[in-house]
């Protein structure tokens, strides 16, 4: 499916991180959009994990997933790990407390 305005030369994870970085620079009233974007990172991890060979197991498979994402987006591996951790924390808040609480998080708390 082709969407207008989508850069076909970029992968899904590259577009997600470009949007994530752009939204992170916005006014604090729009930080909730950054949190929503962060939630999609968990799905990107699952999508990338599916491309890692099955003969790699356990923690090495997840490490290979993070390395592949970092390479594709050209950002440091530690940022991928930090962002994925934050994404999982946001998902926890969403599931346990609901979307209102996720979107209303104080910036100091949300930054980890």
PDB file of N, CA and C in Angstrom:
ATOM      1  N   UNK A   1       0.842  -1.178   0.000  1.00  0.00           N
ATOM      2  CA  UNK A   1       0.000   0.000   0.000  1.00  0.00           C
ATOM      3  C   UNK A   1       0.885   1.238   0.000  1.00  0.00           C
ATOM      4  N   UNK A   2       0.598   2.155  -0.855  1.00  0.00           N
ATOM      5  CA  UNK A   2       1.387   3.380  -0.952  1.00  0.00           C
ATOM      6  C   UNK A   2       0.584   4.549  -0.366  1.00  0.00           C
ATOM      7  N   UNK A   3       1.215   5.259   0.559  1.00  0.00           N
ATOM      8  CA  UNK A   3       0.587   6.417   1.182  1.00  0.00           C
ATOM      9  C   UNK A   3       1.254   7.673   0.656  1.00  0.00           C
ATOM     10  N   UNK A   4       0.449   8.691   0.397  1.00  0.00           N
ATOM     11  CA  UNK A   4       1.038   9.942  -0.076  1.00  0.00           C
ATOM     12  C   UNK A   4       1.848  10.576   1.043  1.00  0.00           C
ATOM     13  N   UNK A   5       2.975  11.148   0.682  1.00  0.00           N
ATOM     14  CA  UNK A   5       3.820  11.814   1.656  1.00  0.00           C
ATOM     15  C   UNK A   5       4.782  10.893   2.395  1.00  0.00           C
ATOM     16  N   UNK A   6       4.706   9.582   2.156  1.00  0.00           N
ATOM     17  CA  UNK A   6       5.596   8.635   2.812  1.00  0.00           C
ATOM     18  C   UNK A   6       6.862   8.492   1.984  1.00  0.00           C
ATOM     19  N   UNK A   7       7.980   8.653   2.637  1.00  0.00           N
ATOM     20  CA  UNK A   7       9.271   8.512   1.959  1.00  0.00           C
ATOM     21  C   UNK A   7       9.575   7.027   1.811  1.00  0.00           C
ATOM     22  N   UNK A   8       9.510   6.538   0.579  1.00  0.00           N
ATOM     23  CA  UNK A   8       9.701   5.115   0.346  1.00  0.00           C
ATOM     24  C   UNK A   8      11.142   4.677   0.517  1.00  0.00           C
ATOM     25  N   UNK A   9      12.082   5.619   0.514  1.00  0.00           N
ATOM     26  CA  UNK A   9      13.487   5.256   0.680  1.00  0.00           C
ATOM     27  C   UNK A   9      13.853   5.064   2.143  1.00  0.00           C
ATOM     28  N   UNK A  10      12.895   5.276   3.062  1.00  0.00           N
ATOM     29  CA  UNK A  10      13.142   5.085   4.489  1.00  0.00           C
ATOM     30  C   UNK A  10      12.334   3.893   4.979  1.00  0.00           C
ATOM     31  N   UNK A  11      12.917   3.159   5.913  1.00  0.00           N
ATOM     32  CA  UNK A  11      12.195   2.042   6.520  1.00  0.00           C
ATOM     33  C   UNK A  11      11.197   2.581   7.544  1.00  0.00           C
ATOM     34  N   UNK A  12      10.356   1.709   8.001  1.00  0.00           N
ATOM     35  CA  UNK A  12       9.354   2.077   9.005  1.00  0.00           C
ATOM     36  C   UNK A  12      10.024   2.604  10.275  1.00  0.00           C
ATOM     37  N   UNK A  13      11.073   1.916  10.734  1.00  0.00           N
ATOM     38  CA  UNK A  13      11.752   2.340  11.970  1.00  0.00           C
ATOM     39  C   UNK A  13      12.457   3.675  11.760  1.00  0.00           C
ATOM     40  N   UNK A  14      12.984   3.922  10.570  1.00  0.00           N
ATOM     41  CA  UNK A  14      13.622   5.207  10.293  1.00  0.00           C
ATOM     42  C   UNK A  14      12.587   6.334  10.342  1.00  0.00           C
ATOM     43  N   UNK A  15      11.425   6.116   9.759  1.00  0.00           N
ATOM     44  CA  UNK A  15      10.363   7.137   9.794  1.00  0.00           C
ATOM     45  C   UNK A  15       9.868   7.357  11.221  1.00  0.00           C
ATOM     46  N   UNK A  16       9.747   6.261  11.989  1.00  0.00           N
ATOM     47  CA  UNK A  16       9.299   6.382  13.378  1.00  0.00           C
ATOM     48  C   UNK A  16      10.276   7.219  14.189  1.00  0.00           C
ATOM     49  N   UNK A  17      11.576   6.950  14.064  1.00  0.00           N
ATOM     50  CA  UNK A  17      12.563   7.717  14.825  1.00  0.00           C
ATOM     51  C   UNK A  17      12.648   9.162  14.353  1.00  0.00           C
ATOM     52  N   UNK A  18      12.462   9.408  13.077  1.00  0.00           N
ATOM     53  CA  UNK A  18      12.471  10.785  12.590  1.00  0.00           C
ATOM     54  C   UNK A  18      11.307  11.556  13.218  1.00  0.00           C
ATOM     55  N   UNK A  19      10.137  10.943  13.256  1.00  0.00           N
ATOM     56  CA  UNK A  19       8.976  11.571  13.880  1.00  0.00           C
ATOM     57  C   UNK A  19       9.198  11.734  15.376  1.00  0.00           C
ATOM     58  N   UNK A  20       9.740  10.707  16.008  1.00  0.00           N
ATOM     59  CA  UNK A  20      10.017  10.728  17.451  1.00  0.00           C
ATOM     60  C   UNK A  20      10.953  11.878  17.804  1.00  0.00           C
ATOM     61  N   UNK A  21      12.033  12.026  17.045  1.00  0.00           N
ATOM     62  CA  UNK A  21      12.986  13.112  17.305  1.00  0.00           C
ATOM     63  C   UNK A  21      12.355  14.478  17.077  1.00  0.00           C
ATOM     64  N   UNK A  22      11.585  14.605  16.004  1.00  0.00           N
ATOM     65  CA  UNK A  22      10.938  15.882  15.718  1.00  0.00           C
ATOM     66  C   UNK A  22       9.943  16.253  16.816  1.00  0.00           C
ATOM     67  N   UNK A  23       9.171  15.286  17.268  1.00  0.00           N
ATOM     68  CA  UNK A  23       8.157  15.555  18.281  1.00  0.00           C
ATOM     69  C   UNK A  23       8.784  15.824  19.647  1.00  0.00           C
ATOM     70  N   UNK A  24       9.950  15.253  19.909  1.00  0.00           N
ATOM     71  CA  UNK A  24      10.619  15.460  21.194  1.00  0.00           C
ATOM     72  C   UNK A  24      11.044  16.908  21.398  1.00  0.00           C
ATOM     73  N   UNK A  25      11.171  17.643  20.329  1.00  0.00           N
ATOM     74  CA  UNK A  25      11.606  19.034  20.401  1.00  0.00           C
ATOM     75  C   UNK A  25      10.429  19.997  20.592  1.00  0.00           C
ATOM     76  N   UNK A  26       9.220  19.486  20.590  1.00  0.00           N
ATOM     77  CA  UNK A  26       8.038  20.332  20.649  1.00  0.00           C
ATOM     78  C   UNK A  26       7.735  20.814  22.062  1.00  0.00           C
ATOM     79  N   UNK A  27       6.820  21.724  22.147  1.00  0.00           N
ATOM     80  CA  UNK A  27       6.338  22.292  23.390  1.00  0.00           C
ATOM     81  C   UNK A  27       5.842  21.206  24.349  1.00  0.00           C
ATOM     82  N   UNK A  28       5.925  21.463  25.641  1.00  0.00           N
ATOM     83  CA  UNK A  28       5.548  20.450  26.634  1.00  0.00           C
ATOM     84  C   UNK A  28       4.097  20.002  26.501  1.00  0.00           C
ATOM     85  N   UNK A  29       3.234  20.833  25.938  1.00  0.00           N
ATOM     86  CA  UNK A  29       1.832  20.452  25.759  1.00  0.00           C
ATOM     87  C   UNK A  29       1.682  19.363  24.704  1.00  0.00           C
ATOM     88  N   UNK A  30       2.684  19.209  23.875  1.00  0.00           N
ATOM     89  CA  UNK A  30       2.626  18.194  22.828  1.00  0.00           C
ATOM     90  C   UNK A  30       3.452  16.958  23.181  1.00  0.00           C
ATOM     91  N   UNK A  31       4.009  16.924  24.382  1.00  0.00           N
ATOM     92  CA  UNK A  31       4.822  15.775  24.797  1.00  0.00           C
ATOM     93  C   UNK A  31       4.008  14.491  24.824  1.00  0.00           C
ATOM     94  N   UNK A  32       2.695  14.592  24.987  1.00  0.00           N
ATOM     95  CA  UNK A  32       1.875  13.379  24.979  1.00  0.00           C
ATOM     96  C   UNK A  32       1.987  12.676  23.632  1.00  0.00           C
ATOM     97  N   UNK A  33       2.177  13.439  22.567  1.00  0.00           N
ATOM     98  CA  UNK A  33       2.359  12.837  21.244  1.00  0.00           C
ATOM     99  C   UNK A  33       3.654  12.039  21.188  1.00  0.00           C
ATOM    100  N   UNK A  34       4.682  12.504  21.881  1.00  0.00           N
ATOM    101  CA  UNK A  34       5.949  11.774  21.952  1.00  0.00           C
ATOM    102  C   UNK A  34       5.718  10.438  22.653  1.00  0.00           C
ATOM    103  N   UNK A  35       4.924  10.444  23.716  1.00  0.00           N
ATOM    104  CA  UNK A  35       4.642   9.203  24.439  1.00  0.00           C
ATOM    105  C   UNK A  35       3.898   8.214  23.545  1.00  0.00           C
ATOM    106  N   UNK A  36       2.980   8.718  22.759  1.00  0.00           N
ATOM    107  CA  UNK A  36       2.254   7.838  21.839  1.00  0.00           C
ATOM    108  C   UNK A  36       3.195   7.247  20.793  1.00  0.00           C
ATOM    109  N   UNK A  37       4.070   8.069  20.265  1.00  0.00           N
ATOM    110  CA  UNK A  37       5.050   7.607  19.290  1.00  0.00           C
ATOM    111  C   UNK A  37       5.947   6.542  19.929  1.00  0.00           C
ATOM    112  N   UNK A  38       6.314   6.749  21.166  1.00  0.00           N
ATOM    113  CA  UNK A  38       7.158   5.800  21.880  1.00  0.00           C
ATOM    114  C   UNK A  38       6.494   4.437  22.002  1.00  0.00           C
ATOM    115  N   UNK A  39       5.183   4.414  22.157  1.00  0.00           N
ATOM    116  CA  UNK A  39       4.472   3.140  22.268  1.00  0.00           C
ATOM    117  C   UNK A  39       4.680   2.272  21.029  1.00  0.00           C
ATOM    118  N   UNK A  40       4.790   2.902  19.875  1.00  0.00           N
ATOM    119  CA  UNK A  40       4.966   2.147  18.638  1.00  0.00           C
ATOM    120  C   UNK A  40       6.345   1.510  18.544  1.00  0.00           C
ATOM    121  N   UNK A  41       7.279   1.988  19.324  1.00  0.00           N
ATOM    122  CA  UNK A  41       8.623   1.427  19.305  1.00  0.00           C
ATOM    123  C   UNK A  41       8.615  -0.035  19.745  1.00  0.00           C
ATOM    124  N   UNK A  42       7.773  -0.376  20.691  1.00  0.00           N
ATOM    125  CA  UNK A  42       7.666  -1.772  21.124  1.00  0.00           C
ATOM    126  C   UNK A  42       7.277  -2.677  19.962  1.00  0.00           C
ATOM    127  N   UNK A  43       6.376  -2.214  19.126  1.00  0.00           N
ATOM    128  CA  UNK A  43       5.975  -3.007  17.960  1.00  0.00           C
ATOM    129  C   UNK A  43       7.118  -3.110  16.961  1.00  0.00           C
ATOM    130  N   UNK A  44       7.888  -2.045  16.813  1.00  0.00           N
ATOM    131  CA  UNK A  44       9.033  -2.081  15.907  1.00  0.00           C
ATOM    132  C   UNK A  44      10.074  -3.093  16.371  1.00  0.00           C
ATOM    133  N   UNK A  45      10.223  -3.229  17.690  1.00  0.00           N
ATOM    134  CA  UNK A  45      11.141  -4.233  18.233  1.00  0.00           C
ATOM    135  C   UNK A  45      10.650  -5.624  17.834  1.00  0.00           C
ATOM    136  N   UNK A  46       9.364  -5.869  17.996  1.00  0.00           N
ATOM    137  CA  UNK A  46       8.802  -7.174  17.638  1.00  0.00           C
ATOM    138  C   UNK A  46       8.961  -7.450  16.141  1.00  0.00           C
ATOM    139  N   UNK A  47       8.734  -6.434  15.330  1.00  0.00           N
ATOM    140  CA  UNK A  47       8.885  -6.594  13.878  1.00  0.00           C
ATOM    141  C   UNK A  47      10.331  -6.904  13.504  1.00  0.00           C
ATOM    142  N   UNK A  48      11.271  -6.201  14.135  1.00  0.00           N
ATOM    143  CA  UNK A  48      12.685  -6.432  13.850  1.00  0.00           C
ATOM    144  C   UNK A  48      13.135  -7.785  14.386  1.00  0.00           C
ATOM    145  N   UNK A  49      12.639  -8.163  15.545  1.00  0.00           N
ATOM    146  CA  UNK A  49      12.968  -9.459  16.137  1.00  0.00           C
ATOM    147  C   UNK A  49      12.589 -10.597  15.191  1.00  0.00           C
ATOM    148  N   UNK A  50      11.493 -10.426  14.482  1.00  0.00           N
ATOM    149  CA  UNK A  50      11.041 -11.455  13.543  1.00  0.00           C
ATOM    150  C   UNK A  50      12.011 -11.645  12.374  1.00  0.00           C
ATOM    151  N   UNK A  51      12.878 -10.659  12.145  1.00  0.00           N
ATOM    152  CA  UNK A  51      13.842 -10.761  11.044  1.00  0.00           C
ATOM    153  C   UNK A  51      15.188 -11.327  11.479  1.00  0.00           C
ATOM    154  N   UNK A  52      15.369 -11.507  12.784  1.00  0.00           N
ATOM    155  CA  UNK A  52      16.624 -12.058  13.307  1.00  0.00           C
ATOM    156  C   UNK A  52      16.581 -13.581  13.151  1.00  0.00           C
ATOM    157  N   UNK A  53      17.656 -14.183  12.652  1.00  0.00           N
ATOM    158  CA  UNK A  53      17.668 -15.639  12.441  1.00  0.00           C
ATOM    159  C   UNK A  53      17.303 -16.427  13.701  1.00  0.00           C
ATOM    160  N   UNK A  54      16.568 -17.508  13.507  1.00  0.00           N
ATOM    161  CA  UNK A  54      16.112 -18.335  14.629  1.00  0.00           C
ATOM    162  C   UNK A  54      17.233 -19.058  15.348  1.00  0.00           C
ATOM    163  N   UNK A  55      18.388 -19.195  14.698  1.00  0.00           N
ATOM    164  CA  UNK A  55      19.479 -19.921  15.353  1.00  0.00           C
ATOM    165  C   UNK A  55      20.176 -19.091  16.425  1.00  0.00           C
ATOM    166  N   UNK A  56      19.830 -17.815  16.522  1.00  0.00           N
ATOM    167  CA  UNK A  56      20.322 -16.971  17.607  1.00  0.00           C
ATOM    168  C   UNK A  56      19.272 -17.039  18.714  1.00  0.00           C
ATOM    169  N   UNK A  57      19.683 -17.312  19.938  1.00  0.00           N
ATOM    170  CA  UNK A  57      18.694 -17.506  20.991  1.00  0.00           C
ATOM    171  C   UNK A  57      18.880 -16.556  22.163  1.00  0.00           C
ATOM    172  N   UNK A  58      17.857 -16.492  22.976  1.00  0.00           N
ATOM    173  CA  UNK A  58      17.880 -15.766  24.240  1.00  0.00           C
ATOM    174  C   UNK A  58      18.276 -14.308  24.131  1.00  0.00           C
ATOM    175  N   UNK A  59      19.113 -13.888  25.082  1.00  0.00           N
ATOM    176  CA  UNK A  59      19.498 -12.486  25.153  1.00  0.00           C
ATOM    177  C   UNK A  59      20.300 -12.065  23.931  1.00  0.00           C
ATOM    178  N   UNK A  60      20.980 -13.000  23.278  1.00  0.00           N
ATOM    179  CA  UNK A  60      21.750 -12.664  22.077  1.00  0.00           C
ATOM    180  C   UNK A  60      20.824 -12.280  20.926  1.00  0.00           C
ATOM    181  N   UNK A  61      19.662 -12.878  20.910  1.00  0.00           N
ATOM    182  CA  UNK A  61      18.678 -12.552  19.865  1.00  0.00           C
ATOM    183  C   UNK A  61      18.157 -11.122  20.056  1.00  0.00           C
ATOM    184  N   UNK A  62      17.889 -10.747  21.296  1.00  0.00           N
ATOM    185  CA  UNK A  62      17.420  -9.384  21.566  1.00  0.00           C
ATOM    186  C   UNK A  62      18.537  -8.388  21.287  1.00  0.00           C
ATOM    187  N   UNK A  63      19.765  -8.739  21.653  1.00  0.00           N
ATOM    188  CA  UNK A  63      20.895  -7.857  21.375  1.00  0.00           C
ATOM    189  C   UNK A  63      21.044  -7.665  19.869  1.00  0.00           C
ATOM    190  N   UNK A  64      20.907  -8.740  19.108  1.00  0.00           N
ATOM    191  CA  UNK A  64      20.986  -8.648  17.649  1.00  0.00           C
ATOM    192  C   UNK A  64      19.861  -7.774  17.100  1.00  0.00           C
ATOM    193  N   UNK A  65      18.695  -7.852  17.723  1.00  0.00           N
ATOM    194  CA  UNK A  65      17.564  -7.015  17.313  1.00  0.00           C
ATOM    195  C   UNK A  65      17.884  -5.543  17.533  1.00  0.00           C
ATOM    196  N   UNK A  66      18.361  -5.214  18.719  1.00  0.00           N
ATOM    197  CA  UNK A  66      18.707  -3.820  19.030  1.00  0.00           C
ATOM    198  C   UNK A  66      19.827  -3.317  18.123  1.00  0.00           C
ATOM    199  N   UNK A  67      20.815  -4.164  17.872  1.00  0.00           N
ATOM    200  CA  UNK A  67      21.920  -3.763  16.993  1.00  0.00           C
ATOM    201  C   UNK A  67      21.427  -3.502  15.576  1.00  0.00           C
ATOM    202  N   UNK A  68      20.517  -4.328  15.102  1.00  0.00           N
ATOM    203  CA  UNK A  68      19.960  -4.137  13.757  1.00  0.00           C
ATOM    204  C   UNK A  68      19.183  -2.818  13.684  1.00  0.00           C
ATOM    205  N   UNK A  69      18.397  -2.530  14.722  1.00  0.00           N
ATOM    206  CA  UNK A  69      17.635  -1.278  14.746  1.00  0.00           C
ATOM    207  C   UNK A  69      18.576  -0.080  14.795  1.00  0.00           C
ATOM    208  N   UNK A  70      19.587  -0.141  15.652  1.00  0.00           N
ATOM    209  CA  UNK A  70      20.531   0.966  15.783  1.00  0.00           C
ATOM    210  C   UNK A  70      21.265   1.212  14.470  1.00  0.00           C
ATOM    211  N   UNK A  71      21.625   0.143  13.795  1.00  0.00           N
ATOM    212  CA  UNK A  71      22.316   0.259  12.514  1.00  0.00           C
ATOM    213  C   UNK A  71      21.402   0.872  11.454  1.00  0.00           C
ATOM    214  N   UNK A  72      20.166   0.434  11.436  1.00  0.00           N
ATOM    215  CA  UNK A  72      19.211   0.922  10.436  1.00  0.00           C
ATOM    216  C   UNK A  72      18.897   2.398  10.609  1.00  0.00           C
ATOM    217  N   UNK A  73      18.790   2.826  11.857  1.00  0.00           N
ATOM    218  CA  UNK A  73      18.430   4.216  12.143  1.00  0.00           C
ATOM    219  C   UNK A  73      19.673   5.090  12.303  1.00  0.00           C
ATOM    220  N   UNK A  74      20.827   4.444  12.468  1.00  0.00           N
ATOM    221  CA  UNK A  74      22.106   5.128  12.652  1.00  0.00           C
ATOM    222  C   UNK A  74      22.105   5.982  13.923  1.00  0.00           C
ATOM    223  N   UNK A  75      21.725   5.336  15.013  1.00  0.00           N
ATOM    224  CA  UNK A  75      21.785   5.965  16.336  1.00  0.00           C
ATOM    225  C   UNK A  75      22.496   5.007  17.282  1.00  0.00           C
ATOM    226  N   UNK A  76      23.011   5.494  18.406  1.00  0.00           N
ATOM    227  CA  UNK A  76      23.748   4.634  19.333  1.00  0.00           C
ATOM    228  C   UNK A  76      22.874   3.519  19.927  1.00  0.00           C
ATOM    229  N   UNK A  77      23.485   2.381  20.146  1.00  0.00           N
ATOM    230  CA  UNK A  77      22.793   1.232  20.716  1.00  0.00           C
ATOM    231  C   UNK A  77      22.198   1.555  22.082  1.00  0.00           C
ATOM    232  N   UNK A  78      22.909   2.337  22.896  1.00  0.00           N
ATOM    233  CA  UNK A  78      22.387   2.664  24.229  1.00  0.00           C
ATOM    234  C   UNK A  78      21.104   3.492  24.140  1.00  0.00           C
ATOM    235  N   UNK A  79      20.950   4.288  23.083  1.00  0.00           N
ATOM    236  CA  UNK A  79      19.700   5.046  22.924  1.00  0.00           C
ATOM    237  C   UNK A  79      18.554   4.103  22.585  1.00  0.00           C
ATOM    238  N   UNK A  80      18.815   3.128  21.725  1.00  0.00           N
ATOM    239  CA  UNK A  80      17.770   2.145  21.404  1.00  0.00           C
ATOM    240  C   UNK A  80      17.310   1.459  22.681  1.00  0.00           C
ATOM    241  N   UNK A  81      18.258   1.003  23.482  1.00  0.00           N
ATOM    242  CA  UNK A  81      17.911   0.310  24.723  1.00  0.00           C
ATOM    243  C   UNK A  81      17.114   1.210  25.661  1.00  0.00           C
ATOM    244  N   UNK A  82      17.561   2.456  25.802  1.00  0.00           N
ATOM    245  CA  UNK A  82      16.865   3.407  26.678  1.00  0.00           C
ATOM    246  C   UNK A  82      15.446   3.680  26.168  1.00  0.00           C
ATOM    247  N   UNK A  83      15.322   3.888  24.867  1.00  0.00           N
ATOM    248  CA  UNK A  83      14.014   4.190  24.289  1.00  0.00           C
ATOM    249  C   UNK A  83      13.058   3.007  24.384  1.00  0.00           C
ATOM    250  N   UNK A  84      13.582   1.806  24.187  1.00  0.00           N
ATOM    251  CA  UNK A  84      12.733   0.610  24.298  1.00  0.00           C
ATOM    252  C   UNK A  84      12.281   0.422  25.742  1.00  0.00           C
ATOM    253  N   UNK A  85      13.175   0.653  26.693  1.00  0.00           N
ATOM    254  CA  UNK A  85      12.800   0.562  28.109  1.00  0.00           C
ATOM    255  C   UNK A  85      11.697   1.563  28.429  1.00  0.00           C
ATOM    256  N   UNK A  86      11.859   2.786  27.954  1.00  0.00           N
ATOM    257  CA  UNK A  86      10.839   3.820  28.178  1.00  0.00           C
ATOM    258  C   UNK A  86       9.524   3.428  27.517  1.00  0.00           C
ATOM    259  N   UNK A  87       9.599   2.884  26.320  1.00  0.00           N
ATOM    260  CA  UNK A  87       8.400   2.435  25.611  1.00  0.00           C
ATOM    261  C   UNK A  87       7.654   1.374  26.415  1.00  0.00           C
ATOM    262  N   UNK A  88       8.399   0.443  26.987  1.00  0.00           N
ATOM    263  CA  UNK A  88       7.774  -0.612  27.799  1.00  0.00           C
ATOM    264  C   UNK A  88       7.166  -0.050  29.076  1.00  0.00           C
ATOM    265  N   UNK A  89       7.821   0.955  29.642  1.00  0.00           N
ATOM    266  CA  UNK A  89       7.264   1.592  30.836  1.00  0.00           C
ATOM    267  C   UNK A  89       5.960   2.324  30.496  1.00  0.00           C
ATOM    268  N   UNK A  90       5.949   3.000  29.370  1.00  0.00           N
ATOM    269  CA  UNK A  90       4.720   3.674  28.934  1.00  0.00           C
ATOM    270  C   UNK A  90       3.612   2.657  28.681  1.00  0.00           C
ATOM    271  N   UNK A  91       3.972   1.519  28.081  1.00  0.00           N
ATOM    272  CA  UNK A  91       2.971   0.482  27.829  1.00  0.00           C
ATOM    273  C   UNK A  91       2.396  -0.032  29.140  1.00  0.00           C
ATOM    274  N   UNK A  92       3.249  -0.166  30.153  1.00  0.00           N
ATOM    275  CA  UNK A  92       2.786  -0.601  31.473  1.00  0.00           C
ATOM    276  C   UNK A  92       1.782   0.408  32.041  1.00  0.00           C
ATOM    277  N   UNK A  93       2.128   1.693  31.974  1.00  0.00           N
ATOM    278  CA  UNK A  93       1.225   2.736  32.478  1.00  0.00           C
ATOM    279  C   UNK A  93      -0.096   2.696  31.709  1.00  0.00           C
ATOM    280  N   UNK A  94      -0.021   2.529  30.394  1.00  0.00           N
ATOM    281  CA  UNK A  94      -1.235   2.466  29.572  1.00  0.00           C
ATOM    282  C   UNK A  94      -2.125   1.313  30.010  1.00  0.00           C
ATOM    283  N   UNK A  95      -1.532   0.142  30.197  1.00  0.00           N
ATOM    284  CA  UNK A  95      -2.320  -1.039  30.566  1.00  0.00           C
ATOM    285  C   UNK A  95      -2.864  -0.963  31.983  1.00  0.00           C
ATOM    286  N   UNK A  96      -2.048  -0.495  32.909  1.00  0.00           N
ATOM    287  CA  UNK A  96      -2.432  -0.501  34.318  1.00  0.00           C
ATOM    288  C   UNK A  96      -3.282   0.701  34.727  1.00  0.00           C
ATOM    289  N   UNK A  97      -3.041   1.858  34.106  1.00  0.00           N
ATOM    290  CA  UNK A  97      -3.693   3.091  34.559  1.00  0.00           C
ATOM    291  C   UNK A  97      -4.628   3.712  33.509  1.00  0.00           C
ATOM    292  N   UNK A  98      -4.381   3.406  32.255  1.00  0.00           N
ATOM    293  CA  UNK A  98      -5.217   3.950  31.192  1.00  0.00           C
ATOM    294  C   UNK A  98      -4.537   5.068  30.428  1.00  0.00           C
ATOM    295  N   UNK A  99      -5.100   5.404  29.274  1.00  0.00           N
ATOM    296  CA  UNK A  99      -4.482   6.408  28.402  1.00  0.00           C
ATOM    297  C   UNK A  99      -4.423   7.803  29.005  1.00  0.00           C
ATOM    298  N   UNK A 100      -5.409   8.170  29.811  1.00  0.00           N
ATOM    299  CA  UNK A 100      -5.400   9.500  30.415  1.00  0.00           C
ATOM    300  C   UNK A 100      -4.177   9.727  31.285  1.00  0.00           C
ATOM    301  N   UNK A 101      -3.854   8.737  32.102  1.00  0.00           N
ATOM    302  CA  UNK A 101      -2.682   8.857  32.964  1.00  0.00           C
ATOM    303  C   UNK A 101      -1.386   8.875  32.165  1.00  0.00           C
ATOM    304  N   UNK A 102      -1.335   8.083  31.093  1.00  0.00           N
ATOM    305  CA  UNK A 102      -0.142   8.082  30.253  1.00  0.00           C
ATOM    306  C   UNK A 102       0.086   9.460  29.640  1.00  0.00           C
ATOM    307  N   UNK A 103      -0.959  10.050  29.114  1.00  0.00           N
ATOM    308  CA  UNK A 103      -0.822  11.339  28.439  1.00  0.00           C
ATOM    309  C   UNK A 103      -0.612  12.488  29.410  1.00  0.00           C
ATOM    310  N   UNK A 104      -0.971  12.280  30.672  1.00  0.00           N
ATOM    311  CA  UNK A 104      -0.870  13.339  31.667  1.00  0.00           C
ATOM    312  C   UNK A 104       0.375  13.218  32.547  1.00  0.00           C
ATOM    313  N   UNK A 105       1.276  12.297  32.199  1.00  0.00           N
ATOM    314  CA  UNK A 105       2.485  12.143  33.003  1.00  0.00           C
ATOM    315  C   UNK A 105       3.273  13.436  33.087  1.00  0.00           C
ATOM    316  N   UNK A 106       3.805  13.705  34.245  1.00  0.00           N
ATOM    317  CA  UNK A 106       4.694  14.839  34.422  1.00  0.00           C
ATOM    318  C   UNK A 106       5.981  14.563  33.658  1.00  0.00           C
ATOM    319  N   UNK A 107       6.546  15.570  33.002  1.00  0.00           N
ATOM    320  CA  UNK A 107       7.755  15.397  32.204  1.00  0.00           C
ATOM    321  C   UNK A 107       8.921  14.835  33.009  1.00  0.00           C
ATOM    322  N   UNK A 108       9.047  15.230  34.281  1.00  0.00           N
ATOM    323  CA  UNK A 108      10.150  14.721  35.106  1.00  0.00           C
ATOM    324  C   UNK A 108       9.993  13.228  35.368  1.00  0.00           C
ATOM    325  N   UNK A 109       8.774  12.780  35.559  1.00  0.00           N
ATOM    326  CA  UNK A 109       8.516  11.361  35.772  1.00  0.00           C
ATOM    327  C   UNK A 109       8.702  10.610  34.451  1.00  0.00           C
ATOM    328  N   UNK A 110       8.175  11.163  33.364  1.00  0.00           N
ATOM    329  CA  UNK A 110       8.221  10.503  32.070  1.00  0.00           C
ATOM    330  C   UNK A 110       9.655  10.336  31.549  1.00  0.00           C
ATOM    331  N   UNK A 111      10.540  11.212  31.946  1.00  0.00           N
ATOM    332  CA  UNK A 111      11.924  11.132  31.478  1.00  0.00           C
ATOM    333  C   UNK A 111      12.674   9.993  32.139  1.00  0.00           C
ATOM    334  N   UNK A 112      12.081   9.368  33.110  1.00  0.00           N
ATOM    335  CA  UNK A 112      12.708   8.208  33.745  1.00  0.00           C
ATOM    336  C   UNK A 112      13.540   8.603  34.897  1.00  0.00           C
TER     337      UNK A 112
END
